[in-house]
Structure formats: C-alpha cells, structure tokens
Amino acid sequence: MDTFLMFLLVGALAQAIDGALGMAYGVISSSVLLAFGVPPATASASVHGAEVFTTAASAGSHVLHKNVEWRLFLPLAVAGIVGGVVGAYVLSGIDGDIIKPFIVVYLALIGLYILWRGFRKAKPRRLPTWTTGPLGLIGGFFDAIGGGGWGPTVSSAMVGAGEEPRRAIGTVNTAEFFLTVAISATFVWALVTGHWENAEALTDHAAAVGGLVAGGLIAAPFAGYIVKKAPQRVLTFAVGGLLLALSLFQGLPLAGGLA
C-alpha cells in the first residue's frame, strides 16, 4: 500500500479514537512511525506537526458542542505549554525510551482505577482549578518525550479524579492545540540551532506525516458530536479500557526487550 494512503488510514482511525476519548492519536501514530524505524525525536516531531492541524479541527468541534470546562482550560493549557517545551528540548538531545516504562505503569494503574470507578457508578465531581496546573506540566512533558502522552496522562487523571468525561475530554483536546503548537515550534528551534542532531530524518518521512494530517483532518470534526452524545458510563469504560490496551501495546515490546 502507498505510504501516504496507509498513514491516512492510521491518522483517521487514531484521530477518531482521540477525539472521542481524549487520547490515542499521538500514541498510535508514534508507535506506527517507530515500527517503521523512525527515530524517537523524529517521530515525536512528525506527530506534533500533524497534530497542529488535527487538534485545531478537534478543538473547534469541542467548542462548538460546548464540551469545554473553561475555568480549567487556561491553567491546563499554560502549564502544558511549559512542560511541552521543556520535554521537546530534552528529547531532541537524549533517547526518550528511558521514560517509557514509567508511562506504561502509569497508564495501567489509572486505567484500572477508572474502570473501578465505572463499576462503582461514582458520580462526577468538580475538580479544583489549581489541580490542572501541575497536571498540565507533567502531561506536556510526557507528551513531548513520548510523542503522545498528553491525552493518556491528563484526560485519564481528570476522569479518574471524577471530572465528567465529556468535559474532561473536551477541555484536554482543546488545550492540546496550544501545546502542540509550542512543542512543534521548539522542535523547529532545535533544528535551526543545531541542537537536534538527527533532524534530517524528517524529510525522509514527509509522505507519512502528510497522511497523518489528512487522515486526522477527516475524522477530527466528528469528535465533539460523539463525546456530546455518548453516555457518561460508556465514555468512562471506554477511557479505562483504552488505557489498559495502550499500556499493553507499549509494555509488551519493553517486556520482550528485557527477556
């Protein structure tokens, strides 16, 4: 299959899941790129370049369908930008695989907790505004390092803490646009200043990035509608189940490497 068409399908599927559940576009896209031998920093830069377009469309959809909790949005976005810029600078100079085992364990534990809340039929609660600052800082850093840690880290924590899934997903996806722009700009700065040693690999994967952008743009406008209409418990179970699946998907190769 043509590289562009294959990544168009990957981008559309990943964005459909991400827009509806607040996570997975970066993780799925990065994992496919890494499987094709793309260096970690190049994969992260490619995914964030594509996400500039897909998150803009997804954010617009969530705003249109009133899925955003605005009191949480600003501190989350600002802290996410700071964490993302630091993470992108660090990743452009080191191997991001070092932190992956910690992310895998986090995803599994939070996934189990969210499923437990779903079975208990726990009622949503109003998150204090101050909690989104530290959460955004950590999520932004993980996102730049792993090429897709924003949604799994931030959406899962907000849903796990009791925020209404629709509001959590809409707020996180909308803030992600600003985070993605900041991370992409940092990669460009690292390229221009020479801090990023393997940046030439970007030009070798232009078709893959183009496919991710096109596929993501096709699916992104439907995100807000899906989240608005889906029942709360369905979203809760879907988020918890996806987190467990992502932890297994990323954890099995790591376990194989240790064997």
Protein backbone atom coordinates (compact mmCIF):
# COMPACT_ATOMS: atom_id res chain seq x y z
CA MET A 1 0.00 0.00 0.00
CA ASP A 2 1.19 3.52 -0.76
CA THR A 3 2.81 5.14 2.30
CA PHE A 4 0.56 8.21 2.15
CA LEU A 5 -2.65 6.15 1.95
CA MET A 6 -1.57 3.82 4.74
CA PHE A 7 -0.84 6.71 7.11
CA LEU A 8 -4.04 8.44 6.03
CA LEU A 9 -5.95 5.42 7.36
CA VAL A 10 -3.81 5.34 10.51
CA GLY A 11 -4.37 9.07 11.06
CA ALA A 12 -8.15 8.84 10.56
CA LEU A 13 -8.52 5.88 12.95
CA ALA A 14 -6.23 7.40 15.57
CA GLN A 15 -7.98 10.80 15.46
CA ALA A 16 -11.45 9.22 15.65
CA ILE A 17 -10.42 7.48 18.88
CA ASP A 18 -8.53 10.52 20.21
CA GLY A 19 -11.33 12.97 19.54
CA ALA A 20 -13.92 10.76 21.21
CA LEU A 21 -11.85 9.61 24.21
CA GLY A 22 -9.26 12.37 24.62
CA MET A 23 -6.22 10.22 23.83
CA ALA A 24 -4.52 7.83 21.39
CA TYR A 25 -3.66 9.90 18.28
CA GLY A 26 -0.11 10.54 19.38
CA VAL A 27 0.44 7.08 20.85
CA ILE A 28 -0.90 5.21 17.82
CA SER A 29 0.81 7.45 15.25
CA SER A 30 4.14 7.46 17.10
CA SER A 31 4.06 3.69 17.58
CA VAL A 32 3.49 3.09 13.86
CA LEU A 33 6.28 5.51 12.92
CA LEU A 34 8.68 3.87 15.39
CA ALA A 35 7.78 0.46 13.96
CA PHE A 36 8.96 1.76 10.57
CA GLY A 37 12.34 2.64 12.08
CA VAL A 38 11.79 6.37 12.57
CA PRO A 39 13.98 7.81 15.41
CA PRO A 40 12.02 8.82 18.58
CA ALA A 41 12.67 12.57 18.23
CA THR A 42 11.70 12.50 14.54
CA ALA A 43 8.53 10.52 15.32
CA SER A 44 7.51 12.98 18.03
CA ALA A 45 8.21 16.00 15.82
CA SER A 46 6.28 14.42 12.92
CA VAL A 47 3.26 13.61 15.06
CA HIS A 48 3.17 17.07 16.64
CA GLY A 49 3.47 18.69 13.23
CA ALA A 50 0.43 16.70 12.10
CA GLU A 51 -1.42 17.48 15.35
CA VAL A 52 -1.20 21.22 14.77
CA PHE A 53 -3.87 20.70 12.11
CA THR A 54 -5.88 17.85 13.67
CA THR A 55 -6.10 19.40 17.15
CA ALA A 56 -7.28 22.70 15.66
CA ALA A 57 -10.18 20.90 13.96
CA SER A 58 -10.92 18.77 17.03
CA ALA A 59 -10.81 21.79 19.38
CA GLY A 60 -13.23 23.68 17.17
CA SER A 61 -15.63 20.75 17.28
CA HIS A 62 -15.49 20.52 21.09
CA VAL A 63 -16.01 24.27 21.50
CA LEU A 64 -18.96 24.15 19.11
CA HIS A 65 -20.61 21.36 21.10
CA LYS A 66 -19.87 23.06 24.47
CA ASN A 67 -17.65 20.27 25.83
CA VAL A 68 -15.00 22.63 27.30
CA GLU A 69 -14.75 23.49 31.01
CA TRP A 70 -13.27 26.96 30.59
CA ARG A 71 -12.25 27.51 34.23
CA LEU A 72 -9.86 24.54 33.88
CA PHE A 73 -8.73 25.31 30.35
CA LEU A 74 -6.35 28.27 30.84
CA PRO A 75 -4.14 26.86 33.65
CA LEU A 76 -4.09 23.49 31.89
CA ALA A 77 -3.01 24.99 28.54
CA VAL A 78 -0.36 27.32 30.00
CA ALA A 79 1.22 24.62 32.18
CA GLY A 80 1.05 22.15 29.30
CA ILE A 81 2.95 24.54 27.05
CA VAL A 82 5.73 24.94 29.63
CA GLY A 83 6.04 21.18 30.17
CA GLY A 84 5.91 20.51 26.43
CA VAL A 85 8.65 22.99 25.56
CA VAL A 86 10.96 21.53 28.23
CA GLY A 87 10.18 17.98 27.09
CA ALA A 88 10.80 18.74 23.40
CA TYR A 89 14.15 20.32 24.19
CA VAL A 90 15.17 17.34 26.34
CA LEU A 91 14.01 14.77 23.75
CA SER A 92 15.93 16.43 20.94
CA GLY A 93 19.12 15.73 22.89
CA ILE A 94 18.50 12.32 24.57
CA ASP A 95 16.80 8.97 24.00
CA GLY A 96 13.13 9.27 25.01
CA ASP A 97 12.81 5.49 25.53
CA ILE A 98 14.25 5.90 29.04
CA ILE A 99 10.95 7.22 30.42
CA LYS A 100 8.63 4.81 28.59
CA PRO A 101 8.43 2.12 31.34
CA PHE A 102 7.14 4.69 33.83
CA ILE A 103 4.44 5.86 31.41
CA VAL A 104 3.33 2.26 30.77
CA VAL A 105 2.91 1.56 34.50
CA TYR A 106 1.00 4.82 34.96
CA LEU A 107 -1.40 4.02 32.11
CA ALA A 108 -2.17 0.57 33.51
CA LEU A 109 -2.83 1.79 37.06
CA ILE A 110 -5.01 4.73 36.01
CA GLY A 111 -6.92 2.51 33.56
CA LEU A 112 -7.76 0.03 36.32
CA TYR A 113 -8.82 2.86 38.65
CA ILE A 114 -11.14 4.42 36.05
CA LEU A 115 -12.76 1.03 35.34
CA TRP A 116 -13.24 0.57 39.09
CA ARG A 117 -14.97 3.97 39.27
CA GLY A 118 -17.18 2.95 36.36
CA PHE A 119 -18.29 -0.25 38.06
CA ARG A 120 -18.97 1.67 41.28
CA LYS A 121 -21.09 4.18 39.33
CA ALA A 122 -19.19 7.01 41.02
CA LYS A 123 -20.73 10.43 40.45
CA PRO A 124 -18.71 13.17 38.70
CA ARG A 125 -17.26 15.87 40.93
CA ARG A 126 -15.99 19.38 40.29
CA LEU A 127 -12.18 19.46 40.09
CA PRO A 128 -10.40 22.35 41.87
CA THR A 129 -8.85 24.73 39.34
CA TRP A 130 -5.39 24.57 40.94
CA THR A 131 -5.01 20.86 40.15
CA THR A 132 -4.83 21.43 36.39
CA GLY A 133 -1.55 23.38 36.57
CA PRO A 134 0.69 20.56 37.86
CA LEU A 135 -1.25 18.08 35.75
CA GLY A 136 -0.67 20.10 32.58
CA LEU A 137 3.04 20.49 33.36
CA ILE A 138 3.54 16.72 33.70
CA GLY A 139 1.28 15.90 30.75
CA GLY A 140 3.03 18.36 28.45
CA PHE A 141 6.45 16.96 29.34
CA PHE A 142 5.34 13.35 28.79
CA ASP A 143 3.68 14.32 25.52
CA ALA A 144 6.86 15.78 24.05
CA ILE A 145 9.00 12.91 25.35
CA GLY A 146 6.71 10.10 24.22
CA GLY A 147 5.02 11.68 21.20
CA GLY A 148 1.57 11.11 22.66
CA GLY A 149 1.43 11.36 26.45
CA TRP A 150 -0.89 14.36 26.81
CA GLY A 151 -4.23 12.59 26.50
CA PRO A 152 -3.34 9.41 28.41
CA THR A 153 -1.82 11.46 31.24
CA VAL A 154 -4.22 14.40 31.53
CA SER A 155 -7.56 13.00 30.33
CA SER A 156 -7.11 9.88 32.44
CA ALA A 157 -6.20 11.86 35.56
CA MET A 158 -9.18 14.21 35.18
CA VAL A 159 -11.65 11.39 34.56
CA GLY A 160 -10.07 9.33 37.34
CA ALA A 161 -10.40 12.27 39.75
CA GLY A 162 -14.11 12.45 38.99
CA GLU A 163 -14.49 15.12 36.32
CA GLU A 164 -17.37 14.49 33.91
CA PRO A 165 -15.80 12.56 30.98
CA ARG A 166 -17.37 14.83 28.34
CA ARG A 167 -15.92 17.95 29.97
CA ALA A 168 -12.54 16.36 30.66
CA ILE A 169 -12.11 15.14 27.07
CA GLY A 170 -13.29 18.41 25.51
CA THR A 171 -11.07 20.56 27.75
CA VAL A 172 -7.98 18.40 27.26
CA ASN A 173 -8.40 18.19 23.47
CA THR A 174 -8.89 21.96 23.17
CA ALA A 175 -5.82 22.75 25.30
CA GLU A 176 -3.81 20.26 23.24
CA PHE A 177 -3.85 22.56 20.21
CA PHE A 178 -1.80 25.22 22.02
CA LEU A 179 0.51 22.59 23.50
CA THR A 180 1.12 21.08 20.06
CA VAL A 181 1.98 24.44 18.50
CA ALA A 182 4.50 25.11 21.30
CA ILE A 183 6.15 21.69 21.01
CA SER A 184 6.37 21.94 17.21
CA ALA A 185 7.94 25.40 17.50
CA THR A 186 10.51 24.01 19.95
CA PHE A 187 11.48 21.24 17.54
CA VAL A 188 11.90 23.86 14.79
CA TRP A 189 14.09 25.94 17.11
CA ALA A 190 16.20 22.86 17.96
CA LEU A 191 16.58 22.19 14.24
CA VAL A 192 17.64 25.77 13.43
CA THR A 193 20.14 26.00 16.31
CA GLY A 194 21.69 22.59 15.62
CA HIS A 195 20.65 21.11 18.98
CA TRP A 196 18.77 18.33 17.17
CA GLU A 197 21.36 16.03 15.60
CA ASN A 198 19.06 13.63 13.66
CA ALA A 199 16.62 16.18 12.21
CA GLU A 200 17.44 15.22 8.60
CA ALA A 201 15.25 12.12 9.04
CA LEU A 202 12.16 14.39 8.86
CA THR A 203 12.47 14.82 5.10
CA ASP A 204 12.57 11.04 4.63
CA HIS A 205 9.08 10.63 6.08
CA ALA A 206 7.16 13.53 4.51
CA ALA A 207 4.56 11.20 2.95
CA ALA A 208 3.83 9.60 6.32
CA VAL A 209 3.34 12.99 8.00
CA GLY A 210 1.10 14.16 5.15
CA GLY A 211 -1.03 11.05 5.53
CA LEU A 212 -1.38 11.57 9.28
CA VAL A 213 -2.52 15.16 8.71
CA ALA A 214 -5.04 14.27 6.00
CA GLY A 215 -6.50 11.31 7.91
CA GLY A 216 -6.73 13.28 11.15
CA LEU A 217 -8.49 16.19 9.47
CA ILE A 218 -11.11 13.84 8.02
CA ALA A 219 -12.03 12.41 11.45
CA ALA A 220 -11.48 15.42 13.76
CA PRO A 221 -14.72 17.37 13.08
CA PHE A 222 -16.84 14.48 14.40
CA ALA A 223 -15.11 14.38 17.81
CA GLY A 224 -17.24 16.91 19.67
CA TYR A 225 -20.52 15.38 18.50
CA ILE A 226 -19.52 11.85 19.56
CA VAL A 227 -18.46 12.98 23.04
CA LYS A 228 -21.61 15.08 23.49
CA LYS A 229 -23.96 12.21 22.63
CA ALA A 230 -22.19 9.24 24.27
CA PRO A 231 -23.47 8.21 27.76
CA GLN A 232 -21.13 9.06 30.65
CA ARG A 233 -20.59 5.44 31.77
CA VAL A 234 -19.82 4.37 28.23
CA LEU A 235 -17.12 7.05 28.00
CA THR A 236 -15.75 6.06 31.43
CA PHE A 237 -15.41 2.38 30.48
CA ALA A 238 -14.03 3.31 27.06
CA VAL A 239 -11.31 5.52 28.57
CA GLY A 240 -10.33 2.90 31.16
CA GLY A 241 -10.29 0.09 28.60
CA LEU A 242 -8.25 2.13 26.12
CA LEU A 243 -5.66 2.97 28.79
CA LEU A 244 -5.18 -0.71 29.59
CA ALA A 245 -4.90 -1.53 25.87
CA LEU A 246 -2.32 1.22 25.35
CA SER A 247 -0.28 0.06 28.36
CA LEU A 248 -0.22 -3.49 26.97
CA PHE A 249 0.59 -2.26 23.46
CA GLN A 250 3.58 -0.28 24.71
CA GLY A 251 4.55 -2.63 27.54
CA LEU A 252 4.86 -5.91 25.63
CA PRO A 253 7.79 -4.72 23.44
CA LEU A 254 9.53 -3.41 26.57
CA ALA A 255 9.00 -6.74 28.36
CA GLY A 256 10.34 -8.57 25.31
CA GLY A 257 13.46 -6.44 25.36
CA LEU A 258 14.10 -7.37 28.98
CA ALA A 259 13.62 -11.11 28.39
